[in-house]
Amino acid sequence: MDVIHKVVATLQTLLPGRSISIESMEQPLSQYAIDSMMFVSLVVALESEFGFDFDDDHLVVSAFSTVGSLAAYITENMAINEVSI
């Protein structure tokens, strides 16, 4: 499973009942009403899934405008940290 699929799956787990799919990649994260506590849960889940820690500058939901930008950040950091999925 690639990064975007894992991000979408994690969001679906944290936001049951919401329609989130690969086609949602460019939808604003704000449309999912993710508050700061939910975002922390999302970051913790993604850090565990992908094996790296988010930079402090990216620990706020406003750092990511879309699901795609979140997936791109993860992909970039996996490459930097040479983490494989």
N, C-alpha and C. Protein backbone atom coordinates (compact mmCIF):
# COMPACT_ATOMS: atom_id res chain seq x y z
N MET A 1 0.86 -1.18 0.00
CA MET A 1 0.00 0.00 0.00
C MET A 1 0.90 1.24 0.00
N ASP A 2 0.60 2.20 -0.85
CA ASP A 2 1.44 3.39 -0.93
C ASP A 2 1.04 4.42 0.12
N VAL A 3 1.79 5.51 0.16
CA VAL A 3 1.62 6.54 1.19
C VAL A 3 0.20 7.09 1.20
N ILE A 4 -0.29 7.52 0.04
CA ILE A 4 -1.62 8.16 0.02
C ILE A 4 -2.70 7.20 0.49
N HIS A 5 -2.61 5.93 0.12
CA HIS A 5 -3.60 4.96 0.58
C HIS A 5 -3.54 4.80 2.10
N LYS A 6 -2.33 4.79 2.65
CA LYS A 6 -2.19 4.66 4.10
C LYS A 6 -2.69 5.91 4.83
N VAL A 7 -2.45 7.08 4.27
CA VAL A 7 -2.95 8.32 4.87
C VAL A 7 -4.48 8.31 4.86
N VAL A 8 -5.07 7.95 3.73
CA VAL A 8 -6.53 7.89 3.62
C VAL A 8 -7.09 6.87 4.60
N ALA A 9 -6.47 5.70 4.70
CA ALA A 9 -6.94 4.67 5.63
C ALA A 9 -6.87 5.16 7.07
N THR A 10 -5.81 5.87 7.41
CA THR A 10 -5.67 6.41 8.77
C THR A 10 -6.75 7.45 9.04
N LEU A 11 -6.99 8.33 8.08
CA LEU A 11 -8.05 9.32 8.24
C LEU A 11 -9.41 8.66 8.39
N GLN A 12 -9.67 7.61 7.62
CA GLN A 12 -10.95 6.90 7.72
C GLN A 12 -11.12 6.28 9.10
N THR A 13 -10.04 5.78 9.67
CA THR A 13 -10.09 5.20 11.01
C THR A 13 -10.40 6.27 12.06
N LEU A 14 -9.78 7.43 11.91
CA LEU A 14 -9.97 8.51 12.89
C LEU A 14 -11.27 9.28 12.69
N LEU A 15 -11.82 9.22 11.47
CA LEU A 15 -13.04 9.97 11.15
C LEU A 15 -14.11 9.03 10.62
N PRO A 16 -14.58 8.12 11.45
CA PRO A 16 -15.59 7.16 10.97
C PRO A 16 -16.85 7.89 10.48
N GLY A 17 -17.42 7.37 9.42
CA GLY A 17 -18.63 7.96 8.89
C GLY A 17 -18.39 9.06 7.87
N ARG A 18 -17.14 9.48 7.71
CA ARG A 18 -16.80 10.51 6.72
C ARG A 18 -16.34 9.82 5.44
N SER A 19 -16.68 10.39 4.32
CA SER A 19 -16.27 9.84 3.04
C SER A 19 -14.90 10.41 2.66
N ILE A 20 -13.89 9.59 2.78
CA ILE A 20 -12.52 9.99 2.44
C ILE A 20 -11.98 8.94 1.48
N SER A 21 -11.50 9.39 0.34
CA SER A 21 -10.98 8.46 -0.66
C SER A 21 -9.77 9.08 -1.35
N ILE A 22 -9.17 8.31 -2.23
CA ILE A 22 -8.03 8.81 -3.00
C ILE A 22 -8.45 10.05 -3.79
N GLU A 23 -9.68 10.08 -4.26
CA GLU A 23 -10.17 11.23 -5.00
C GLU A 23 -10.27 12.48 -4.11
N SER A 24 -10.21 12.29 -2.80
CA SER A 24 -10.27 13.40 -1.84
C SER A 24 -8.92 14.07 -1.64
N MET A 25 -7.91 13.59 -2.34
CA MET A 25 -6.54 14.03 -2.12
C MET A 25 -6.36 15.54 -2.14
N GLU A 26 -7.07 16.22 -3.01
CA GLU A 26 -6.90 17.68 -3.11
C GLU A 26 -8.00 18.46 -2.39
N GLN A 27 -8.81 17.75 -1.63
CA GLN A 27 -9.82 18.42 -0.82
C GLN A 27 -9.14 19.04 0.41
N PRO A 28 -9.59 20.21 0.82
CA PRO A 28 -9.00 20.84 2.00
C PRO A 28 -9.21 19.99 3.26
N LEU A 29 -8.18 19.87 4.07
CA LEU A 29 -8.33 19.16 5.34
C LEU A 29 -9.39 19.81 6.21
N SER A 30 -9.58 21.10 6.05
CA SER A 30 -10.56 21.82 6.86
C SER A 30 -11.99 21.29 6.65
N GLN A 31 -12.26 20.68 5.52
CA GLN A 31 -13.60 20.17 5.26
C GLN A 31 -13.94 18.97 6.16
N TYR A 32 -12.93 18.37 6.77
CA TYR A 32 -13.16 17.24 7.66
C TYR A 32 -13.29 17.66 9.13
N ALA A 33 -13.27 18.96 9.37
CA ALA A 33 -13.42 19.51 10.73
C ALA A 33 -12.45 18.87 11.72
N ILE A 34 -11.19 18.79 11.32
CA ILE A 34 -10.16 18.21 12.17
C ILE A 34 -9.70 19.29 13.15
N ASP A 35 -9.96 19.06 14.43
CA ASP A 35 -9.51 20.02 15.44
C ASP A 35 -8.09 19.65 15.88
N SER A 36 -7.54 20.45 16.78
CA SER A 36 -6.14 20.24 17.17
C SER A 36 -5.93 18.89 17.85
N MET A 37 -6.85 18.45 18.66
CA MET A 37 -6.70 17.16 19.35
C MET A 37 -6.77 16.01 18.35
N MET A 38 -7.67 16.10 17.40
CA MET A 38 -7.79 15.07 16.38
C MET A 38 -6.53 15.06 15.51
N PHE A 39 -5.99 16.23 15.24
CA PHE A 39 -4.78 16.30 14.43
C PHE A 39 -3.61 15.65 15.15
N VAL A 40 -3.50 15.85 16.45
CA VAL A 40 -2.44 15.20 17.23
C VAL A 40 -2.59 13.68 17.13
N SER A 41 -3.82 13.19 17.23
CA SER A 41 -4.07 11.75 17.08
C SER A 41 -3.65 11.27 15.70
N LEU A 42 -3.95 12.07 14.68
CA LEU A 42 -3.57 11.73 13.31
C LEU A 42 -2.05 11.68 13.17
N VAL A 43 -1.37 12.67 13.70
CA VAL A 43 0.10 12.72 13.62
C VAL A 43 0.71 11.52 14.33
N VAL A 44 0.23 11.20 15.51
CA VAL A 44 0.77 10.05 16.26
C VAL A 44 0.57 8.76 15.46
N ALA A 45 -0.61 8.60 14.88
CA ALA A 45 -0.89 7.40 14.08
C ALA A 45 0.02 7.34 12.85
N LEU A 46 0.20 8.46 12.19
CA LEU A 46 1.04 8.49 10.99
C LEU A 46 2.52 8.30 11.33
N GLU A 47 2.96 8.88 12.44
CA GLU A 47 4.35 8.67 12.86
C GLU A 47 4.60 7.19 13.14
N SER A 48 3.65 6.55 13.77
CA SER A 48 3.77 5.12 14.05
C SER A 48 3.74 4.30 12.77
N GLU A 49 2.85 4.65 11.87
CA GLU A 49 2.71 3.93 10.59
C GLU A 49 3.96 4.04 9.73
N PHE A 50 4.54 5.25 9.67
CA PHE A 50 5.62 5.50 8.74
C PHE A 50 7.02 5.53 9.37
N GLY A 51 7.09 5.50 10.70
CA GLY A 51 8.37 5.36 11.37
C GLY A 51 9.26 6.59 11.40
N PHE A 52 8.68 7.77 11.43
CA PHE A 52 9.47 8.99 11.61
C PHE A 52 8.64 9.99 12.38
N ASP A 53 9.30 11.00 12.96
CA ASP A 53 8.62 12.04 13.72
C ASP A 53 8.42 13.27 12.85
N PHE A 54 7.24 13.85 12.94
CA PHE A 54 6.96 15.10 12.25
C PHE A 54 7.83 16.19 12.85
N ASP A 55 8.32 17.11 12.02
CA ASP A 55 9.05 18.28 12.51
C ASP A 55 8.10 19.14 13.33
N ASP A 56 8.63 19.84 14.32
CA ASP A 56 7.81 20.70 15.17
C ASP A 56 6.98 21.70 14.37
N ASP A 57 7.54 22.20 13.29
CA ASP A 57 6.82 23.18 12.46
C ASP A 57 5.59 22.58 11.79
N HIS A 58 5.48 21.26 11.77
CA HIS A 58 4.38 20.60 11.09
C HIS A 58 3.42 19.91 12.07
N LEU A 59 3.44 20.34 13.30
CA LEU A 59 2.57 19.74 14.30
C LEU A 59 1.26 20.50 14.49
N VAL A 60 0.90 21.27 13.49
CA VAL A 60 -0.39 21.99 13.50
C VAL A 60 -1.10 21.70 12.19
N VAL A 61 -2.42 21.55 12.27
CA VAL A 61 -3.20 21.20 11.08
C VAL A 61 -3.04 22.24 9.97
N SER A 62 -2.80 23.49 10.33
CA SER A 62 -2.66 24.55 9.32
C SER A 62 -1.41 24.38 8.45
N ALA A 63 -0.50 23.48 8.85
CA ALA A 63 0.70 23.23 8.05
C ALA A 63 0.37 22.44 6.78
N PHE A 64 -0.82 21.85 6.73
CA PHE A 64 -1.22 21.03 5.59
C PHE A 64 -2.57 21.50 5.08
N SER A 65 -2.60 21.90 3.82
CA SER A 65 -3.86 22.41 3.27
C SER A 65 -4.76 21.29 2.76
N THR A 66 -4.15 20.19 2.30
CA THR A 66 -4.94 19.10 1.72
C THR A 66 -4.42 17.74 2.19
N VAL A 67 -5.21 16.71 1.93
CA VAL A 67 -4.77 15.34 2.19
C VAL A 67 -3.50 15.06 1.38
N GLY A 68 -3.48 15.55 0.15
CA GLY A 68 -2.32 15.36 -0.71
C GLY A 68 -1.06 16.02 -0.18
N SER A 69 -1.20 17.21 0.41
CA SER A 69 -0.01 17.88 0.96
C SER A 69 0.52 17.12 2.18
N LEU A 70 -0.36 16.52 2.93
CA LEU A 70 0.05 15.69 4.07
C LEU A 70 0.80 14.45 3.56
N ALA A 71 0.27 13.81 2.53
CA ALA A 71 0.93 12.63 1.95
C ALA A 71 2.28 13.01 1.34
N ALA A 72 2.35 14.17 0.70
CA ALA A 72 3.61 14.62 0.10
C ALA A 72 4.67 14.86 1.19
N TYR A 73 4.27 15.45 2.31
CA TYR A 73 5.19 15.67 3.42
C TYR A 73 5.75 14.34 3.93
N ILE A 74 4.88 13.36 4.07
CA ILE A 74 5.31 12.05 4.54
C ILE A 74 6.28 11.41 3.54
N THR A 75 5.93 11.47 2.26
CA THR A 75 6.79 10.90 1.22
C THR A 75 8.17 11.54 1.24
N GLU A 76 8.19 12.86 1.36
CA GLU A 76 9.45 13.59 1.40
C GLU A 76 10.30 13.16 2.60
N ASN A 77 9.67 13.06 3.76
CA ASN A 77 10.41 12.69 4.97
C ASN A 77 10.84 11.24 4.97
N MET A 78 10.06 10.38 4.35
CA MET A 78 10.48 8.99 4.22
C MET A 78 11.75 8.90 3.37
N ALA A 79 11.81 9.70 2.31
CA ALA A 79 12.98 9.71 1.44
C ALA A 79 14.20 10.25 2.19
N ILE A 80 13.99 11.31 2.95
CA ILE A 80 15.09 11.91 3.73
C ILE A 80 15.60 10.92 4.77
N ASN A 81 14.67 10.24 5.42
CA ASN A 81 15.03 9.30 6.49
C ASN A 81 15.23 7.87 5.99
N GLU A 82 15.08 7.68 4.68
CA GLU A 82 15.23 6.38 4.05
C GLU A 82 14.39 5.32 4.73
N VAL A 83 13.12 5.65 4.99
CA VAL A 83 12.16 4.73 5.58
C VAL A 83 11.40 4.08 4.43
N SER A 84 11.20 2.79 4.50
CA SER A 84 10.40 2.14 3.46
C SER A 84 9.08 1.66 4.05
N ILE A 85 8.06 1.63 3.17
CA ILE A 85 6.76 1.17 3.64
C ILE A 85 6.54 -0.28 3.29
